Amino acid sequence: MKMPKVVCEKCQRPIAAGPVAGRLSKGRLWRHDPPAERRDPEDRLVSCAGSLEIVDLPYGQMELDVELEPEVTEQQEAALF
């Protein structure tokens, strides 16, 4: 599954955003490192402050394009029999 990328407000990098259950137009940024550092002075991994933020997805309000069968009129129905 290809995830849309959204710019993180904290580090300004494009980060993948996964869907949030029940909120079609929202996504959660994946955990990511800040641009300049991956570890703190004690050698622990550091996450960007924007990691796991809920964001608007670029195509969140899209609707499914569903083709409905055309209505059959009485005249067309009579022609079938």
Protein backbone atom coordinates (compact mmCIF):
# COMPACT_ATOMS: atom_id res chain seq x y z
CA MET A 1 0.00 0.00 0.00
CA LYS A 2 1.43 3.34 -1.01
CA MET A 3 1.01 6.02 1.64
CA PRO A 4 0.59 9.71 0.79
CA LYS A 5 3.39 12.01 1.91
CA VAL A 6 2.66 15.11 3.96
CA VAL A 7 5.16 17.81 4.98
CA CYS A 8 5.97 17.63 8.71
CA GLU A 9 5.37 21.04 10.31
CA LYS A 10 8.36 20.61 12.66
CA CYS A 11 11.14 19.51 10.27
CA GLN A 12 9.60 20.48 6.88
CA ARG A 13 10.35 17.07 5.32
CA PRO A 14 7.82 14.96 3.37
CA ILE A 15 6.80 12.02 5.59
CA ALA A 16 4.42 9.13 4.90
CA ALA A 17 1.05 9.42 6.64
CA GLY A 18 -1.11 6.40 7.44
CA PRO A 19 -4.92 6.59 7.68
CA VAL A 20 -6.68 7.20 11.00
CA ALA A 21 -9.63 4.88 11.64
CA GLY A 22 -12.99 6.60 11.28
CA ARG A 23 -11.52 9.85 9.93
CA LEU A 24 -11.23 9.68 6.14
CA SER A 25 -9.59 13.07 5.74
CA LYS A 26 -6.99 12.59 8.51
CA GLY A 27 -3.74 10.66 8.75
CA ARG A 28 -0.97 10.12 11.28
CA LEU A 29 2.64 10.91 10.34
CA TRP A 30 4.97 7.97 10.66
CA ARG A 31 7.72 8.16 13.27
CA HIS A 32 10.80 9.82 11.83
CA ASP A 33 14.10 11.27 12.97
CA PRO A 34 14.88 14.99 13.07
CA PRO A 35 16.99 16.05 10.07
CA ALA A 36 20.18 16.84 12.00
CA GLU A 37 20.30 14.13 14.66
CA ARG A 38 19.38 10.49 15.04
CA ARG A 39 20.58 10.00 18.61
CA ASP A 40 20.81 12.09 21.74
CA PRO A 41 24.07 12.52 23.75
CA GLU A 42 23.31 9.28 25.64
CA ASP A 43 23.08 7.38 22.30
CA ARG A 44 19.30 6.91 22.42
CA LEU A 45 17.25 7.27 19.23
CA VAL A 46 15.44 10.60 18.91
CA SER A 47 12.11 11.16 17.15
CA CYS A 48 11.14 14.41 15.46
CA ALA A 49 8.63 16.41 17.52
CA GLY A 50 6.24 16.08 14.56
CA SER A 51 6.26 12.26 14.63
CA LEU A 52 2.82 10.69 15.09
CA GLU A 53 1.00 14.03 14.63
CA ILE A 54 -2.48 13.86 13.11
CA VAL A 55 -2.54 15.75 9.79
CA ASP A 56 -4.89 16.44 6.89
CA LEU A 57 -4.34 13.99 4.04
CA PRO A 58 -3.85 15.50 0.57
CA TYR A 59 -6.87 13.70 -0.87
CA GLY A 60 -8.88 13.08 2.26
CA GLN A 61 -12.37 14.03 1.12
CA MET A 62 -12.34 11.87 -1.98
CA GLU A 63 -15.43 9.82 -2.69
CA LEU A 64 -15.56 6.47 -4.40
CA ASP A 65 -16.65 6.63 -8.01
CA VAL A 66 -19.38 4.00 -8.19
CA GLU A 67 -21.18 3.29 -11.43
CA LEU A 68 -24.84 2.52 -10.90
CA GLU A 69 -26.85 0.52 -13.36
CA PRO A 70 -29.18 2.78 -15.37
CA GLU A 71 -32.83 2.65 -14.40
CA VAL A 72 -34.94 0.47 -16.66
CA THR A 73 -38.15 2.10 -17.86
CA GLU A 74 -41.40 0.15 -18.29
CA GLN A 75 -41.04 0.35 -22.08
CA GLN A 76 -37.50 -1.09 -21.92
CA GLU A 77 -38.65 -3.78 -19.50
CA ALA A 78 -41.48 -4.81 -21.86
CA ALA A 79 -38.97 -5.07 -24.72
CA LEU A 80 -36.92 -7.58 -22.71
CA PHE A 81 -39.79 -10.11 -22.67
